[in-house]
Protein backbone atom coordinates (compact mmCIF):
# COMPACT_ATOMS: atom_id res chain seq x y z
CA UNK A 1 96.78 122.05 16.31
CA UNK A 2 96.15 119.53 13.65
CA UNK A 3 96.76 121.66 10.23
CA UNK A 4 99.75 122.83 12.44
CA UNK A 5 101.26 119.42 12.76
CA UNK A 6 100.51 118.48 9.38
CA UNK A 7 102.37 121.29 7.72
CA UNK A 8 105.44 120.85 10.05
CA UNK A 9 105.15 117.56 8.57
CA UNK A 10 104.58 117.94 5.19
CA UNK A 11 107.39 116.76 2.58
CA UNK A 12 109.10 119.01 0.55
CA UNK A 13 108.44 119.15 -3.46
CA UNK A 14 112.08 118.85 -4.11
CA UNK A 15 112.52 115.70 -2.11
CA UNK A 16 109.11 114.26 -3.94
CA UNK A 17 110.85 115.24 -7.28
CA UNK A 18 113.56 112.61 -6.79
CA UNK A 19 110.99 109.93 -5.60
CA UNK A 20 110.17 107.63 -8.63
CA UNK A 21 111.90 105.75 -11.05
CA UNK A 22 112.27 102.21 -12.36
CA UNK A 23 114.23 102.14 -15.50
CA UNK A 24 114.32 97.92 -15.70
CA UNK A 25 110.61 98.12 -15.66
CA UNK A 26 109.74 99.39 -18.96
CA UNK A 27 109.20 96.39 -21.21
CA UNK A 28 109.45 98.68 -24.48
CA UNK A 29 112.97 99.94 -23.56
CA UNK A 30 115.24 98.31 -26.26
CA UNK A 31 119.02 99.59 -25.64
CA UNK A 32 120.83 100.71 -28.39
CA UNK A 33 124.23 99.40 -28.36
CA UNK A 34 127.46 101.52 -28.96
CA UNK A 35 130.06 99.32 -28.97
CA UNK A 36 130.21 95.14 -29.00
CA UNK A 37 133.97 93.76 -29.42
CA UNK A 38 136.33 91.43 -27.65
CA UNK A 39 133.67 90.23 -25.10
CA UNK A 40 132.86 93.89 -24.16
CA UNK A 41 129.45 95.77 -24.92
CA UNK A 42 128.25 99.13 -23.94
CA UNK A 43 124.67 100.46 -24.78
CA UNK A 44 122.72 103.05 -23.89
CA UNK A 45 118.46 103.23 -23.21
CA UNK A 46 116.28 106.15 -22.55
CA UNK A 47 112.66 107.14 -21.77
CA UNK A 48 111.00 110.46 -22.30
CA UNK A 49 107.02 111.37 -21.13
CA UNK A 50 104.78 114.34 -20.69
CA UNK A 51 101.26 114.80 -19.70
CA UNK A 52 98.81 117.42 -19.65
CA UNK A 53 97.12 117.22 -16.32
CA UNK A 54 94.24 118.89 -14.80
CA UNK A 55 93.55 118.40 -10.93
CA UNK A 56 90.27 119.47 -9.04
CA UNK A 57 91.65 119.80 -5.37
CA UNK A 58 89.11 120.05 -2.46
CA UNK A 59 90.66 120.41 1.10
CA UNK A 60 89.45 121.71 4.73
CA UNK A 61 88.66 125.50 4.65
CA UNK A 62 88.20 126.08 1.20
CA UNK A 63 91.47 128.33 0.66
CA UNK A 64 93.26 125.21 -1.13
CA UNK A 65 90.29 124.37 -3.26
CA UNK A 66 91.27 125.14 -6.87
CA UNK A 67 91.29 123.31 -10.52
CA UNK A 68 95.07 123.28 -11.58
CA UNK A 69 96.13 122.45 -14.94
CA UNK A 70 99.96 121.30 -15.72
CA UNK A 71 102.12 120.19 -18.25
CA UNK A 72 104.26 117.76 -16.59
CA UNK A 73 106.05 114.45 -16.43
CA UNK A 74 104.23 111.39 -14.79
CA UNK A 75 105.22 108.54 -12.28
CA UNK A 76 108.46 108.28 -13.95
CA UNK A 77 110.88 110.74 -14.78
CA UNK A 78 112.75 111.13 -18.02
CA UNK A 79 116.25 109.15 -18.14
CA UNK A 80 118.76 108.26 -19.98
CA UNK A 81 121.08 105.13 -19.13
CA UNK A 82 124.21 103.25 -19.97
CA UNK A 83 125.07 99.75 -19.53
CA UNK A 84 128.24 97.94 -19.93
CA UNK A 85 129.45 94.31 -19.73
CA UNK A 86 132.83 92.43 -19.98
CA UNK A 87 133.40 88.81 -19.57
CA UNK A 88 136.96 88.03 -17.82
CA UNK A 89 137.65 84.11 -17.53
CA UNK A 90 134.74 82.67 -15.31
CA UNK A 91 133.31 86.07 -14.19
CA UNK A 92 130.95 88.67 -16.31
CA UNK A 93 131.41 91.90 -14.74
CA UNK A 94 128.56 94.72 -15.59
CA UNK A 95 127.44 98.35 -14.64
CA UNK A 96 124.63 100.57 -14.91
CA UNK A 97 124.60 104.18 -14.80
CA UNK A 98 121.28 106.31 -15.17
CA UNK A 99 120.51 109.88 -15.10
CA UNK A 100 117.41 111.22 -14.33
CA UNK A 101 115.84 114.64 -15.00
CA UNK A 102 112.75 116.68 -14.30
CA UNK A 103 110.88 118.65 -17.51
CA UNK A 104 109.09 120.58 -14.58
CA UNK A 105 112.02 122.88 -12.68
CA UNK A 106 111.91 126.17 -15.10
CA UNK A 107 109.62 128.14 -12.78
CA UNK A 108 112.18 128.08 -9.84
CA UNK A 109 115.61 127.03 -11.48
CA UNK A 110 115.39 128.35 -15.03
CA UNK A 111 117.11 126.47 -17.14
CA UNK A 112 119.49 124.81 -14.63
CA UNK A 113 117.65 121.27 -14.61
CA UNK A 114 119.15 119.10 -11.97
CA UNK A 115 120.62 115.61 -12.82
CA UNK A 116 119.56 113.00 -10.33
CA UNK A 117 121.50 109.72 -10.34
CA UNK A 118 119.25 106.92 -9.30
CA UNK A 119 121.40 104.11 -10.71
CA UNK A 120 125.53 103.61 -10.36
CA UNK A 121 126.53 100.05 -9.78
CA UNK A 122 128.67 97.26 -10.95
CA UNK A 123 127.93 93.55 -10.78
CA UNK A 124 130.09 90.53 -10.56
CA UNK A 125 128.41 87.24 -11.86
CA UNK A 126 129.49 83.82 -12.42
CA UNK A 127 127.74 80.21 -11.62
CA UNK A 128 127.41 80.94 -8.37
CA UNK A 129 125.11 84.05 -8.68
CA UNK A 130 125.64 87.77 -8.71
CA UNK A 131 126.85 90.60 -6.50
CA UNK A 132 125.62 93.70 -7.11
CA UNK A 133 127.81 96.97 -5.60
CA UNK A 134 127.09 100.45 -5.43
CA UNK A 135 123.75 102.33 -5.91
CA UNK A 136 120.61 100.91 -6.70
CA UNK A 137 116.65 100.74 -5.54
CA UNK A 138 116.05 98.88 -2.38
CA UNK A 139 114.79 95.32 -2.00
CA UNK A 140 112.04 95.87 0.18
CA UNK A 141 108.86 96.82 -1.77
CA UNK A 142 111.12 96.63 -4.92
CA UNK A 143 108.37 94.05 -6.61
CA UNK A 144 105.15 95.92 -5.32
CA UNK A 145 106.38 98.96 -7.38
CA UNK A 146 107.91 97.24 -10.52
CA UNK A 147 105.14 95.49 -11.14
CA UNK A 148 102.57 98.08 -10.60
CA UNK A 149 100.28 98.14 -13.94
CA UNK A 150 100.44 101.89 -13.48
CA UNK A 151 103.92 102.46 -13.37
CA UNK A 152 104.09 104.37 -17.12
CA UNK A 153 101.37 106.42 -16.29
CA UNK A 154 100.17 109.06 -13.75
CA UNK A 155 98.92 108.11 -10.39
CA UNK A 156 97.97 110.37 -7.53
CA UNK A 157 99.26 114.08 -6.99
CA UNK A 158 98.31 114.83 -3.34
CA UNK A 159 98.24 118.70 -2.70
CA UNK A 160 98.83 117.94 1.19
CA UNK A 161 102.05 116.30 0.37
CA UNK A 162 103.03 119.09 -2.52
CA UNK A 163 102.55 117.12 -5.39
CA UNK A 164 99.90 119.26 -7.64
CA UNK A 165 102.28 122.16 -7.80
CA UNK A 166 105.44 120.41 -7.24
CA UNK A 167 108.71 120.46 -9.69
CA UNK A 168 109.07 116.54 -10.05
CA UNK A 169 106.79 113.60 -10.66
CA UNK A 170 103.44 112.35 -9.38
CA UNK A 171 103.20 109.64 -7.32
CA UNK A 172 101.68 106.74 -8.80
CA UNK A 173 100.57 104.61 -5.83
CA UNK A 174 103.34 105.48 -3.58
CA UNK A 175 101.80 106.01 -0.13
CA UNK A 176 98.51 104.51 -1.23
CA UNK A 177 99.86 100.56 -1.81
CA UNK A 178 103.25 100.63 -1.03
CA UNK A 179 106.42 102.52 0.32
CA UNK A 180 109.05 103.58 -2.37
CA UNK A 181 112.28 101.31 -2.68
CA UNK A 182 114.44 104.41 -2.58
CA UNK A 183 117.67 104.24 -4.55
CA UNK A 184 120.51 103.55 -1.94
CA UNK A 185 124.27 102.34 -1.46
CA UNK A 186 124.45 98.74 -0.99
CA UNK A 187 126.26 95.43 -1.10
CA UNK A 188 123.72 92.88 -2.92
CA UNK A 189 123.92 89.04 -3.31
CA UNK A 190 121.32 87.39 -5.89
CA UNK A 191 121.51 83.43 -6.62
CA UNK A 192 121.02 81.94 -9.85
CA UNK A 193 117.45 81.54 -10.80
CA UNK A 194 116.30 77.72 -9.85
CA UNK A 195 113.59 76.30 -11.21
CA UNK A 196 111.94 80.04 -11.20
CA UNK A 197 113.31 80.51 -7.66
CA UNK A 198 115.63 83.43 -6.63
CA UNK A 199 116.75 84.91 -3.62
CA UNK A 200 118.37 88.33 -3.07
CA UNK A 201 119.67 89.44 0.12
CA UNK A 202 121.50 92.87 1.00
CA UNK A 203 123.16 95.53 3.23
CA UNK A 204 122.29 98.96 2.62
CA UNK A 205 123.43 102.37 3.88
CA UNK A 206 121.27 102.71 7.31
CA UNK A 207 119.26 105.94 8.04
CA UNK A 208 118.46 107.98 11.02
CA UNK A 209 114.86 107.62 11.99
CA UNK A 210 114.98 109.24 15.42
CA UNK A 211 117.20 112.45 15.66
CA UNK A 212 114.89 114.60 17.64
CA UNK A 213 116.81 115.40 20.44
CA UNK A 214 118.45 119.20 20.76
CA UNK A 215 121.61 117.44 22.51
CA UNK A 216 121.85 114.03 21.13
CA UNK A 217 122.51 112.52 17.96
CA UNK A 218 121.00 109.49 16.25
CA UNK A 219 123.13 106.68 14.92
CA UNK A 220 122.85 102.98 13.96
CA UNK A 221 125.69 100.01 14.99
CA UNK A 222 124.72 97.89 12.09
CA UNK A 223 123.64 98.58 8.63
CA UNK A 224 120.04 98.27 7.29
CA UNK A 225 119.14 94.42 6.01
CA UNK A 226 116.86 93.91 2.90
CA UNK A 227 115.76 90.70 1.31
CA UNK A 228 113.64 89.42 -1.32
CA UNK A 229 112.30 86.14 -2.71
CA UNK A 230 110.71 85.95 -6.11
CA UNK A 231 109.00 82.70 -7.66
CA UNK A 232 108.07 82.34 -10.91
CA UNK A 233 105.94 79.26 -12.15
CA UNK A 234 103.16 78.33 -14.42
CA UNK A 235 99.69 77.06 -13.29
CA UNK A 236 96.57 76.02 -15.20
CA UNK A 237 98.04 77.84 -18.23
CA UNK A 238 98.65 81.24 -16.06
CA UNK A 239 101.90 82.45 -15.73
CA UNK A 240 102.75 83.49 -11.80
CA UNK A 241 105.44 85.48 -10.54
CA UNK A 242 105.12 85.68 -6.76
CA UNK A 243 107.26 87.51 -4.32
CA UNK A 244 108.27 87.98 -0.50
CA UNK A 245 110.82 90.79 0.33
CA UNK A 246 111.58 92.44 3.78
CA UNK A 247 113.66 95.16 5.86
CA UNK A 248 115.21 95.54 9.14
CA UNK A 249 116.87 98.09 10.93
CA UNK A 250 117.47 99.56 14.64
CA UNK A 251 118.36 103.37 15.10
CA UNK A 252 119.57 104.54 18.39
CA UNK A 253 120.36 107.96 19.91
CA UNK A 254 123.11 109.24 22.18
CA UNK A 255 120.31 111.14 24.19
CA UNK A 256 119.36 107.94 26.20
CA UNK A 257 115.75 109.93 26.68
CA UNK A 258 115.14 109.23 23.22
CA UNK A 259 113.67 105.76 22.45
CA UNK A 260 115.46 103.31 20.04
CA UNK A 261 113.22 103.22 16.65
CA UNK A 262 113.19 99.63 15.14
CA UNK A 263 112.36 99.68 11.32
CA UNK A 264 111.13 96.50 10.00
CA UNK A 265 108.73 95.62 7.30
CA UNK A 266 107.37 93.01 5.13
CA UNK A 267 106.25 93.04 1.50
CA UNK A 268 104.46 90.78 -0.49
CA UNK A 269 102.49 90.03 -3.99
CA UNK A 270 101.52 88.08 -6.86
CA UNK A 271 101.00 88.72 -10.49
CA UNK A 272 99.01 86.55 -12.99
CA UNK A 273 98.88 86.56 -16.59
CA UNK A 274 96.12 84.74 -18.16
CA UNK A 275 96.21 85.29 -22.08
CA UNK A 276 95.47 88.89 -22.58
CA UNK A 277 94.28 89.25 -18.89
CA UNK A 278 96.75 90.49 -15.92
CA UNK A 279 95.81 90.94 -12.27
CA UNK A 280 97.96 91.80 -9.58
CA UNK A 281 97.47 91.77 -5.71
CA UNK A 282 100.21 93.12 -3.27
CA UNK A 283 100.53 94.50 -0.03
CA UNK A 284 103.02 95.51 2.76
CA UNK A 285 103.12 95.49 6.71
CA UNK A 286 105.49 97.77 8.56
CA UNK A 287 106.54 99.36 11.77
CA UNK A 288 108.85 102.40 12.41
CA UNK A 289 109.19 102.79 8.34
CA UNK A 290 108.09 105.86 6.51
CA UNK A 291 104.89 104.89 4.77
CA UNK A 292 106.15 107.18 1.64
CA UNK A 293 110.03 106.24 1.68
CA UNK A 294 111.78 103.41 2.72
CA UNK A 295 114.89 104.99 3.39
CA UNK A 296 113.27 107.92 5.10
CA UNK A 297 113.93 110.60 2.97
CA UNK A 298 114.27 113.79 4.51
CA UNK A 299 115.16 111.90 8.13
CA UNK A 300 111.82 113.05 9.80
CA UNK A 301 111.62 111.63 13.25
CA UNK A 302 109.87 108.48 13.19
CA UNK A 303 108.60 106.32 16.21
CA UNK A 304 107.70 102.54 16.11
CA UNK A 305 104.11 103.13 14.56
CA UNK A 306 102.48 100.79 12.06
CA UNK A 307 101.66 101.25 8.53
CA UNK A 308 100.10 98.89 6.44
CA UNK A 309 98.72 98.94 2.48
CA UNK A 310 97.83 96.78 -0.26
CA UNK A 311 97.20 97.40 -4.13
CA UNK A 312 94.70 95.18 -5.92
CA UNK A 313 94.86 95.36 -10.22
CA UNK A 314 93.23 94.24 -13.24
CA UNK A 315 94.44 94.81 -16.73
CA UNK A 316 93.35 93.63 -20.11
CA UNK A 317 95.16 94.17 -23.63
CA UNK A 318 93.56 94.13 -27.03
CA UNK A 319 95.56 94.41 -29.84
CA UNK A 320 97.74 97.65 -29.25
CA UNK A 321 95.34 98.79 -26.68
CA UNK A 322 95.13 98.26 -22.88
CA UNK A 323 92.69 99.27 -20.07
CA UNK A 324 93.94 99.00 -16.42
CA UNK A 325 91.84 99.09 -13.07
CA UNK A 326 93.69 100.25 -9.88
CA UNK A 327 92.84 100.36 -6.11
CA UNK A 328 95.39 101.03 -3.35
CA UNK A 329 95.30 102.20 0.04
CA UNK A 330 97.66 102.31 3.20
CA UNK A 331 96.83 102.64 6.47
CA UNK A 332 99.31 104.62 8.59
CA UNK A 333 99.66 105.38 12.62
CA UNK A 334 101.47 108.69 12.03
CA UNK A 335 105.04 108.45 10.71
CA UNK A 336 103.48 110.02 7.38
CA UNK A 337 101.93 113.07 8.49
CA UNK A 338 102.46 113.04 12.33
CA UNK A 339 98.45 112.15 12.51
CA UNK A 340 96.70 108.85 12.05
CA UNK A 341 95.48 108.74 8.75
CA UNK A 342 94.16 106.70 5.51
CA UNK A 343 95.65 107.25 2.15
CA UNK A 344 93.30 105.84 -0.56
CA UNK A 345 93.56 105.71 -4.69
CA UNK A 346 91.46 104.74 -7.36
CA UNK A 347 92.59 104.97 -11.15
CA UNK A 348 91.55 103.61 -14.34
CA UNK A 349 93.83 103.91 -17.32
CA UNK A 350 93.96 103.47 -21.17
CA UNK A 351 97.27 103.09 -23.28
CA UNK A 352 97.67 103.00 -26.98
CA UNK A 353 100.73 101.59 -28.51
CA UNK A 354 101.41 103.43 -31.60
CA UNK A 355 104.75 101.38 -32.23
CA UNK A 356 107.14 99.38 -29.85
CA UNK A 357 108.91 103.04 -28.79
CA UNK A 358 105.93 105.34 -28.91
CA UNK A 359 102.71 105.35 -26.40
CA UNK A 360 99.73 107.34 -25.97
CA UNK A 361 98.14 107.53 -22.20
CA UNK A 362 95.15 108.51 -20.93
CA UNK A 363 94.65 108.23 -16.89
CA UNK A 364 91.92 109.07 -14.47
CA UNK A 365 92.70 109.08 -10.44
CA UNK A 366 90.88 109.63 -7.22
CA UNK A 367 93.09 110.20 -4.19
CA UNK A 368 91.78 110.91 -0.59
CA UNK A 369 93.47 111.27 2.88
CA UNK A 370 90.92 110.50 5.64
CA UNK A 371 92.29 111.65 9.26
CA UNK A 372 91.33 109.09 12.25
CA UNK A 373 90.52 109.83 15.47
CA UNK A 374 87.76 112.55 14.59
CA UNK A 375 89.97 114.57 12.58
CA UNK A 376 87.69 113.58 9.35
CA UNK A 377 88.59 114.23 5.40
CA UNK A 378 91.72 116.03 4.76
CA UNK A 379 91.97 115.87 0.80
CA UNK A 380 90.10 114.87 -2.10
CA UNK A 381 91.90 115.27 -5.31
CA UNK A 382 90.61 114.15 -8.76
CA UNK A 383 92.99 114.41 -11.67
CA UNK A 384 93.00 113.74 -15.51
CA UNK A 385 95.93 112.89 -17.18
CA UNK A 386 96.89 112.77 -21.11
CA UNK A 387 100.10 111.99 -21.86
CA UNK A 388 102.92 110.29 -24.41
CA UNK A 389 106.04 108.43 -23.45
CA UNK A 390 109.12 107.44 -25.74
CA UNK A 391 111.46 104.87 -25.38
CA UNK A 392 114.84 103.56 -26.89
């Protein structure tokens, strides 16, 4: 019964293929200015990556046990982005559109590569702050993923979740440290940075979480509310970046026998940079939220169940070389697989910067799913990934 329950809640590979992306998190991106005249600029940036990957999968029953080789993109897909800005009197108008593609769709789609739009928004800014309107990444768990030290690497590829053979990205530390702040339509206000402090608050398009009735329909009479507070400061020679973010939404159903699902969560963390060392600790605690996707992608039925997780990382840079260690864990009562389970990821990564735009990456990752209440171990997958990334 447990195996059938897991299979029925398995995340579709196509949904996973659209799961990752954070253009603004790539430090090596240097946009190419295509137009700069009359207080108007238009520029482009991009990212390309590919990995040779070998995953050793061990699952109960042995029918899934195998060694699977892939040539695959990593935690971030490939993208091209366009940025616009224009000064009009006291207002600065801006816009960004980014288009993300998978390099792993040839087996099922031939050459029909899907273009996934993660960002398509405009901004209106002045001395009073900035308003963003359109589609962008959410605020809840935003800094948790943006400051992941393995963001440009590979991460976990759970076979249970359909990632080993999937046509999209790997999962990084999603589901084993934080949920993914899925791109969504929103209206968000950000204050100016005041002595390192900045506040963002927005309304997001709500999502169905309890559409489980054959006769009823899930609905929301209010939008989803998300916010984030960030604070930067220096202490004893260390540069500190800290954050606190959260989300709240309620979803009802016209069938009064279906319970209301109140989705609420809080994320938090701190990054400390001391000379060539970087230390990061982050976590989240949520109820009624999908532990993989903050917007409940695919709209599986959720309940008022808890999930919480944390991520601990350390990195050291010496010259053009960098070594990072990572450990993440998420405990979920059942909104992920339909059963109570723990998800755990351990990783070590080495990167070598050839120049400002070219990077070599090697990563070893161990991922585990442990079912609770006597179910036992559900998956052990070890992955070696060797790759290259290019930015402009």
